[in-house]
Each structure stands twice: as structure tokens, then as C-alpha cells.
N, C-alpha and C. Protein backbone atom coordinates (compact mmCIF):
# COMPACT_ATOMS: atom_id res chain seq x y z
N MET A 1 259.00 85.94 22.01
CA MET A 1 258.43 86.16 20.69
C MET A 1 257.09 86.86 20.82
N CYS A 2 256.90 87.91 20.08
CA CYS A 2 255.65 88.67 20.11
C CYS A 2 254.72 88.15 19.03
N ILE A 3 253.49 87.86 19.40
CA ILE A 3 252.51 87.41 18.42
C ILE A 3 251.58 88.56 18.12
N GLN A 4 251.57 88.98 16.87
CA GLN A 4 250.67 90.03 16.42
C GLN A 4 249.29 89.41 16.20
N THR A 5 248.28 90.19 16.43
CA THR A 5 246.93 89.70 16.19
C THR A 5 246.18 90.67 15.31
N THR A 6 245.25 90.14 14.58
CA THR A 6 244.38 90.94 13.74
C THR A 6 242.96 90.74 14.25
N VAL A 7 242.21 91.81 14.33
CA VAL A 7 240.82 91.73 14.74
C VAL A 7 239.97 91.75 13.48
N VAL A 8 239.10 90.77 13.33
CA VAL A 8 238.27 90.64 12.15
C VAL A 8 236.82 90.64 12.59
N GLU A 9 236.00 91.41 11.91
CA GLU A 9 234.57 91.35 12.18
C GLU A 9 233.97 90.25 11.33
N CYS A 10 233.35 89.29 12.00
CA CYS A 10 232.73 88.17 11.30
C CYS A 10 231.24 88.45 11.16
N LYS A 11 230.74 88.20 9.99
CA LYS A 11 229.33 88.45 9.72
C LYS A 11 228.54 87.17 9.95
N GLY A 12 227.52 87.28 10.69
CA GLY A 12 226.65 86.14 10.98
C GLY A 12 225.39 86.71 11.57
N VAL A 13 224.80 85.98 12.47
CA VAL A 13 223.61 86.48 13.15
C VAL A 13 223.97 87.75 13.93
N ASN A 14 225.10 87.71 14.61
CA ASN A 14 225.59 88.87 15.35
C ASN A 14 226.97 89.22 14.83
N MET A 15 227.30 90.52 14.85
CA MET A 15 228.64 90.95 14.48
C MET A 15 229.52 90.78 15.71
N TYR A 16 230.67 90.21 15.54
CA TYR A 16 231.60 90.08 16.64
C TYR A 16 233.01 90.16 16.10
N LYS A 17 233.95 90.43 17.00
CA LYS A 17 235.34 90.55 16.57
C LYS A 17 236.10 89.33 17.04
N VAL A 18 237.03 88.89 16.21
CA VAL A 18 237.85 87.73 16.51
C VAL A 18 239.31 88.09 16.29
N ARG A 19 240.19 87.54 17.09
CA ARG A 19 241.62 87.82 16.97
C ARG A 19 242.29 86.66 16.23
N LEU A 20 243.15 87.02 15.27
CA LEU A 20 243.92 86.03 14.52
C LEU A 20 245.40 86.30 14.74
N SER A 21 246.15 85.27 15.06
CA SER A 21 247.60 85.40 15.21
C SER A 21 248.24 85.43 13.83
N ASP A 22 249.54 85.72 13.79
CA ASP A 22 250.26 85.69 12.52
C ASP A 22 250.16 84.32 11.87
N MET A 23 250.30 83.26 12.66
CA MET A 23 250.23 81.91 12.10
C MET A 23 248.83 81.61 11.57
N GLU A 24 247.82 82.07 12.28
CA GLU A 24 246.45 81.87 11.80
C GLU A 24 246.22 82.63 10.49
N LEU A 25 246.82 83.81 10.37
CA LEU A 25 246.72 84.56 9.11
C LEU A 25 247.42 83.80 7.98
N ARG A 26 248.58 83.23 8.26
CA ARG A 26 249.29 82.44 7.25
C ARG A 26 248.45 81.23 6.84
N PHE A 27 247.81 80.60 7.82
CA PHE A 27 246.92 79.47 7.56
C PHE A 27 245.76 79.91 6.66
N MET A 28 245.17 81.05 6.99
CA MET A 28 244.06 81.56 6.19
C MET A 28 244.51 81.91 4.78
N ASN A 29 245.73 82.42 4.62
CA ASN A 29 246.24 82.72 3.28
C ASN A 29 246.29 81.47 2.42
N ILE A 30 246.64 80.35 3.01
CA ILE A 30 246.64 79.08 2.28
C ILE A 30 245.22 78.75 1.82
N ILE A 31 244.28 78.92 2.72
CA ILE A 31 242.89 78.61 2.38
C ILE A 31 242.37 79.57 1.30
N TRP A 32 242.60 80.87 1.48
CA TRP A 32 242.12 81.85 0.48
C TRP A 32 242.70 81.57 -0.90
N SER A 33 243.94 81.14 -0.97
CA SER A 33 244.57 80.93 -2.27
C SER A 33 244.15 79.62 -2.94
N ARG A 34 243.51 78.73 -2.18
CA ARG A 34 243.18 77.42 -2.74
C ARG A 34 241.72 77.01 -2.58
N GLU A 35 240.93 77.83 -1.92
CA GLU A 35 239.57 77.39 -1.61
C GLU A 35 238.70 77.22 -2.84
N PRO A 36 237.80 76.28 -2.78
CA PRO A 36 237.62 75.30 -1.72
C PRO A 36 238.75 74.27 -1.75
N VAL A 37 239.20 73.87 -0.55
CA VAL A 37 240.28 72.89 -0.44
C VAL A 37 239.83 71.79 0.51
N SER A 38 240.15 70.56 0.16
CA SER A 38 239.77 69.45 1.03
C SER A 38 240.66 69.48 2.28
N SER A 39 240.11 69.05 3.40
CA SER A 39 240.89 69.06 4.63
C SER A 39 242.10 68.12 4.56
N PRO A 40 242.02 66.94 3.90
CA PRO A 40 243.24 66.14 3.77
C PRO A 40 244.32 66.85 2.94
N GLU A 41 243.92 67.55 1.88
CA GLU A 41 244.86 68.30 1.06
C GLU A 41 245.46 69.45 1.88
N LEU A 42 244.63 70.10 2.68
CA LEU A 42 245.11 71.18 3.54
C LEU A 42 246.15 70.66 4.53
N ALA A 43 245.94 69.48 5.07
CA ALA A 43 246.91 68.88 5.99
C ALA A 43 248.25 68.65 5.29
N LYS A 44 248.21 68.19 4.04
CA LYS A 44 249.45 67.98 3.28
C LYS A 44 250.16 69.31 3.03
N ILE A 45 249.40 70.33 2.66
CA ILE A 45 249.98 71.65 2.40
C ILE A 45 250.63 72.19 3.66
N CYS A 46 249.95 72.07 4.80
CA CYS A 46 250.48 72.59 6.05
C CYS A 46 251.71 71.80 6.51
N GLN A 47 251.76 70.53 6.18
CA GLN A 47 252.95 69.75 6.49
C GLN A 47 254.14 70.31 5.70
N ASN A 48 253.92 70.60 4.41
CA ASN A 48 254.98 71.15 3.57
C ASN A 48 255.35 72.58 3.95
N GLU A 49 254.35 73.41 4.22
CA GLU A 49 254.58 74.83 4.50
C GLU A 49 255.10 75.10 5.91
N PHE A 50 254.53 74.39 6.89
CA PHE A 50 254.82 74.69 8.29
C PHE A 50 255.50 73.55 9.05
N GLY A 51 255.56 72.38 8.43
CA GLY A 51 256.11 71.22 9.12
C GLY A 51 255.14 70.63 10.14
N TRP A 52 253.85 70.92 9.96
CA TRP A 52 252.84 70.46 10.90
C TRP A 52 252.50 68.99 10.67
N LYS A 53 252.14 68.33 11.78
CA LYS A 53 251.55 67.00 11.68
C LYS A 53 250.09 67.18 11.29
N LYS A 54 249.52 66.11 10.77
CA LYS A 54 248.11 66.14 10.37
C LYS A 54 247.22 66.59 11.54
N SER A 55 247.52 66.09 12.74
CA SER A 55 246.71 66.44 13.91
C SER A 55 246.78 67.93 14.23
N THR A 56 247.94 68.54 14.00
CA THR A 56 248.07 69.98 14.25
C THR A 56 247.18 70.77 13.30
N THR A 57 247.19 70.38 12.03
CA THR A 57 246.34 71.06 11.05
C THR A 57 244.88 70.95 11.44
N TYR A 58 244.45 69.77 11.85
CA TYR A 58 243.05 69.59 12.22
C TYR A 58 242.70 70.35 13.50
N THR A 59 243.66 70.48 14.41
CA THR A 59 243.42 71.27 15.63
C THR A 59 243.23 72.74 15.26
N VAL A 60 244.12 73.27 14.42
CA VAL A 60 244.02 74.67 14.00
C VAL A 60 242.74 74.88 13.18
N LEU A 61 242.43 73.95 12.32
CA LEU A 61 241.21 74.02 11.51
C LEU A 61 239.98 74.12 12.41
N LYS A 62 239.92 73.29 13.43
CA LYS A 62 238.78 73.31 14.35
C LYS A 62 238.73 74.63 15.12
N ARG A 63 239.90 75.12 15.57
CA ARG A 63 239.94 76.38 16.29
C ARG A 63 239.45 77.53 15.41
N MET A 64 239.88 77.55 14.15
CA MET A 64 239.46 78.60 13.23
C MET A 64 237.98 78.49 12.89
N GLU A 65 237.49 77.26 12.82
CA GLU A 65 236.06 77.06 12.59
C GLU A 65 235.26 77.57 13.79
N ASN A 66 235.76 77.30 15.00
CA ASN A 66 235.09 77.79 16.21
C ASN A 66 235.11 79.31 16.30
N LYS A 67 236.14 79.93 15.74
CA LYS A 67 236.21 81.40 15.71
C LYS A 67 235.27 81.98 14.67
N GLY A 68 234.79 81.14 13.75
CA GLY A 68 233.83 81.60 12.76
C GLY A 68 234.43 82.17 11.50
N VAL A 69 235.73 81.95 11.26
CA VAL A 69 236.36 82.54 10.08
C VAL A 69 236.42 81.58 8.90
N LEU A 70 236.15 80.30 9.16
CA LEU A 70 236.09 79.34 8.07
C LEU A 70 235.09 78.26 8.41
N GLN A 71 234.80 77.45 7.41
CA GLN A 71 233.92 76.31 7.65
C GLN A 71 234.52 75.07 7.00
N ASN A 72 234.25 73.94 7.62
CA ASN A 72 234.72 72.66 7.14
C ASN A 72 233.50 71.76 7.05
N MET A 73 232.92 71.70 5.86
CA MET A 73 231.71 70.89 5.66
C MET A 73 232.04 69.77 4.69
N ASP A 74 231.77 68.55 5.13
CA ASP A 74 232.03 67.37 4.30
C ASP A 74 233.49 67.34 3.83
N ALA A 75 234.40 67.70 4.75
CA ALA A 75 235.85 67.69 4.49
C ALA A 75 236.27 68.69 3.40
N VAL A 76 235.46 69.73 3.18
CA VAL A 76 235.80 70.80 2.25
C VAL A 76 235.85 72.10 3.04
N VAL A 77 237.01 72.76 2.98
CA VAL A 77 237.26 73.97 3.77
C VAL A 77 237.09 75.20 2.90
N THR A 78 236.31 76.17 3.39
CA THR A 78 236.13 77.46 2.73
C THR A 78 236.15 78.56 3.78
N SER A 79 236.50 79.75 3.36
CA SER A 79 236.54 80.88 4.29
C SER A 79 235.15 81.48 4.46
N LYS A 80 234.96 82.10 5.60
CA LYS A 80 233.73 82.84 5.87
C LYS A 80 234.03 84.33 6.00
N VAL A 81 235.31 84.70 5.90
CA VAL A 81 235.77 86.07 5.99
C VAL A 81 236.63 86.35 4.76
N ALA A 82 236.37 87.44 4.09
CA ALA A 82 237.11 87.78 2.87
C ALA A 82 238.52 88.24 3.20
N GLN A 83 239.46 87.86 2.34
CA GLN A 83 240.86 88.22 2.53
C GLN A 83 241.05 89.73 2.57
N ASP A 84 240.36 90.47 1.71
CA ASP A 84 240.53 91.92 1.70
C ASP A 84 240.05 92.57 2.99
N GLU A 85 239.03 91.98 3.64
CA GLU A 85 238.57 92.51 4.92
C GLU A 85 239.66 92.35 5.98
N VAL A 86 240.29 91.20 5.99
CA VAL A 86 241.35 90.94 6.96
C VAL A 86 242.55 91.84 6.68
N GLN A 87 242.92 92.00 5.41
CA GLN A 87 244.05 92.87 5.06
C GLN A 87 243.76 94.31 5.46
N ARG A 88 242.54 94.75 5.29
CA ARG A 88 242.16 96.11 5.68
C ARG A 88 242.31 96.29 7.19
N GLU A 89 241.82 95.32 7.96
CA GLU A 89 241.93 95.39 9.41
C GLU A 89 243.38 95.36 9.86
N GLU A 90 244.18 94.47 9.25
CA GLU A 90 245.60 94.35 9.61
C GLU A 90 246.34 95.64 9.28
N SER A 91 246.08 96.22 8.13
CA SER A 91 246.74 97.47 7.72
C SER A 91 246.38 98.61 8.67
N THR A 92 245.12 98.71 9.01
CA THR A 92 244.66 99.75 9.92
C THR A 92 245.32 99.59 11.28
N ARG A 93 245.35 98.37 11.79
CA ARG A 93 245.96 98.08 13.08
C ARG A 93 247.44 98.47 13.07
N PHE A 94 248.14 98.12 11.98
CA PHE A 94 249.56 98.41 11.88
C PHE A 94 249.83 99.92 11.89
N VAL A 95 249.08 100.67 11.10
CA VAL A 95 249.28 102.12 11.05
C VAL A 95 248.94 102.75 12.40
N GLU A 96 247.88 102.26 13.05
CA GLU A 96 247.50 102.78 14.36
C GLU A 96 248.60 102.54 15.39
N GLU A 97 249.11 101.30 15.43
CA GLU A 97 250.08 100.95 16.46
C GLU A 97 251.47 101.49 16.17
N ALA A 98 251.92 101.40 14.95
CA ALA A 98 253.30 101.77 14.63
C ALA A 98 253.49 103.26 14.34
N PHE A 99 252.42 103.93 13.88
CA PHE A 99 252.55 105.33 13.45
C PHE A 99 251.50 106.23 14.08
N ASP A 100 250.95 105.81 15.21
CA ASP A 100 249.92 106.59 15.90
C ASP A 100 248.78 107.00 14.97
N GLY A 101 248.48 106.14 14.01
CA GLY A 101 247.38 106.40 13.09
C GLY A 101 247.70 107.38 11.97
N SER A 102 248.94 107.79 11.85
CA SER A 102 249.32 108.79 10.86
C SER A 102 249.70 108.14 9.53
N LEU A 103 248.83 108.29 8.54
CA LEU A 103 249.11 107.76 7.21
C LEU A 103 250.32 108.45 6.57
N PRO A 104 250.47 109.80 6.70
CA PRO A 104 251.67 110.43 6.15
C PRO A 104 252.98 109.88 6.76
N GLN A 105 252.99 109.63 8.07
CA GLN A 105 254.18 109.06 8.70
C GLN A 105 254.46 107.66 8.15
N PHE A 106 253.39 106.90 7.97
CA PHE A 106 253.56 105.55 7.42
C PHE A 106 254.16 105.62 6.01
N LEU A 107 253.59 106.48 5.16
CA LEU A 107 254.09 106.58 3.78
C LEU A 107 255.54 107.05 3.73
N THR A 108 255.89 107.98 4.61
CA THR A 108 257.28 108.46 4.67
C THR A 108 258.21 107.31 5.03
N ALA A 109 257.84 106.53 6.03
CA ALA A 109 258.67 105.40 6.43
C ALA A 109 258.69 104.32 5.36
N PHE A 110 257.55 104.07 4.74
CA PHE A 110 257.45 103.04 3.71
C PHE A 110 258.32 103.37 2.50
N LEU A 111 258.24 104.60 2.07
CA LEU A 111 259.02 105.01 0.90
C LEU A 111 260.52 105.09 1.22
N GLY A 112 260.84 105.46 2.45
CA GLY A 112 262.22 105.47 2.89
C GLY A 112 263.17 106.24 1.99
N GLY A 113 262.71 107.32 1.40
CA GLY A 113 263.56 108.14 0.56
C GLY A 113 263.65 107.69 -0.89
N LYS A 114 263.04 106.55 -1.23
CA LYS A 114 263.10 106.11 -2.63
C LYS A 114 262.08 106.88 -3.46
N LYS A 115 262.33 106.96 -4.72
CA LYS A 115 261.46 107.69 -5.64
C LYS A 115 260.38 106.76 -6.17
N ILE A 116 259.22 107.35 -6.47
CA ILE A 116 258.15 106.59 -7.11
C ILE A 116 257.93 107.17 -8.51
N SER A 117 257.35 106.35 -9.36
CA SER A 117 257.11 106.78 -10.73
C SER A 117 255.97 107.80 -10.78
N LYS A 118 255.89 108.49 -11.88
CA LYS A 118 254.81 109.46 -12.09
C LYS A 118 253.46 108.75 -12.04
N GLU A 119 253.41 107.55 -12.63
CA GLU A 119 252.17 106.77 -12.64
C GLU A 119 251.74 106.39 -11.22
N GLU A 120 252.71 105.97 -10.41
CA GLU A 120 252.40 105.61 -9.02
C GLU A 120 251.91 106.83 -8.25
N ALA A 121 252.54 107.97 -8.47
CA ALA A 121 252.12 109.20 -7.80
C ALA A 121 250.70 109.57 -8.19
N GLU A 122 250.38 109.45 -9.47
CA GLU A 122 249.02 109.75 -9.94
C GLU A 122 248.00 108.79 -9.32
N GLU A 123 248.37 107.53 -9.25
CA GLU A 123 247.48 106.53 -8.67
C GLU A 123 247.22 106.84 -7.19
N LEU A 124 248.26 107.23 -6.47
CA LEU A 124 248.09 107.60 -5.07
C LEU A 124 247.22 108.84 -4.92
N LYS A 125 247.41 109.82 -5.79
CA LYS A 125 246.58 111.04 -5.75
C LYS A 125 245.11 110.69 -5.99
N GLU A 126 244.85 109.81 -6.94
CA GLU A 126 243.47 109.39 -7.22
C GLU A 126 242.86 108.67 -6.02
N LEU A 127 243.64 107.82 -5.36
CA LEU A 127 243.15 107.13 -4.17
C LEU A 127 242.82 108.12 -3.06
N ILE A 128 243.70 109.07 -2.86
CA ILE A 128 243.48 110.08 -1.83
C ILE A 128 242.22 110.87 -2.13
N ASP A 129 242.05 111.29 -3.39
CA ASP A 129 240.85 112.05 -3.78
C ASP A 129 239.58 111.23 -3.55
N ARG A 130 239.66 109.95 -3.85
CA ARG A 130 238.50 109.09 -3.72
C ARG A 130 238.06 108.91 -2.26
N PHE A 131 239.03 108.92 -1.34
CA PHE A 131 238.72 108.67 0.07
C PHE A 131 238.73 109.92 0.93
N MET A 132 238.94 111.09 0.32
CA MET A 132 238.99 112.33 1.09
C MET A 132 237.62 112.67 1.62
N GLU A 133 237.59 113.17 2.87
CA GLU A 133 236.31 113.56 3.52
C GLU A 133 235.82 114.86 2.95
């Protein structure tokens, strides 16, 4: 089984990069969608979502806290890294690895011959114009 990782820049005293596995990203998605969330509630959610024991959730929670991507203060868990930052890093990594960094190749594969609406095409054109060098 191949574990994909995402590199996230964490902001603190020093900038550093941290690697997140797919499971860690799924864990963070739970936190982002519910934060602030109590650690006992998080353990219940992870039991339902992943079949984890309470101890597994607390182990992962501590590991993620040590990586600097979340904090657990007074049994309340919050993220220290924004979801959009992680999604941006993951998307960039995917295009780099799967399509040699080629956005046109990615879009061709993503669309797979299906048609998009005029509104979607206009929205894409506006995005391209906004980010063009």
C-alpha cells in the first residue's frame, strides 16, 4: 500500500515543512469540519469513522500536535494550519507528480472528454486571467 504525503508549511517562530499521510489528512478534515472539538468527542468520531480505539485517536492527536498542525488545550482540539493551505499543497503535489507539473495535462485528464457549461468555462477563464504572469 502506498501512502501519499502532503507537505505543509507551518507558521510559528520558524517556518518548517511537515508531512501528512492520507490518514492524517482525513483526521484533519474531521477537525476542520468540527473545530473546536473536544478530544473525547473526537475519539468518538474517529471510532465511528475509522474504527479506532480511544487510545489510537489520542496517539494520532499527540503525533499531530507534535508536528505542529493542531493544538489540544484543555481537551479542546483546534487546527493550527488552514484547510485551504493544505489543499493547495496537496493539489500542487499531485499535479507535479502525476502530470509533470502540467496544468493543461491535468485539466485534459480531469475533464476526460466531458463537456463543461459556458458558465464553468467563463469561471475558468477568469481564474486563468487572475493568475496569469
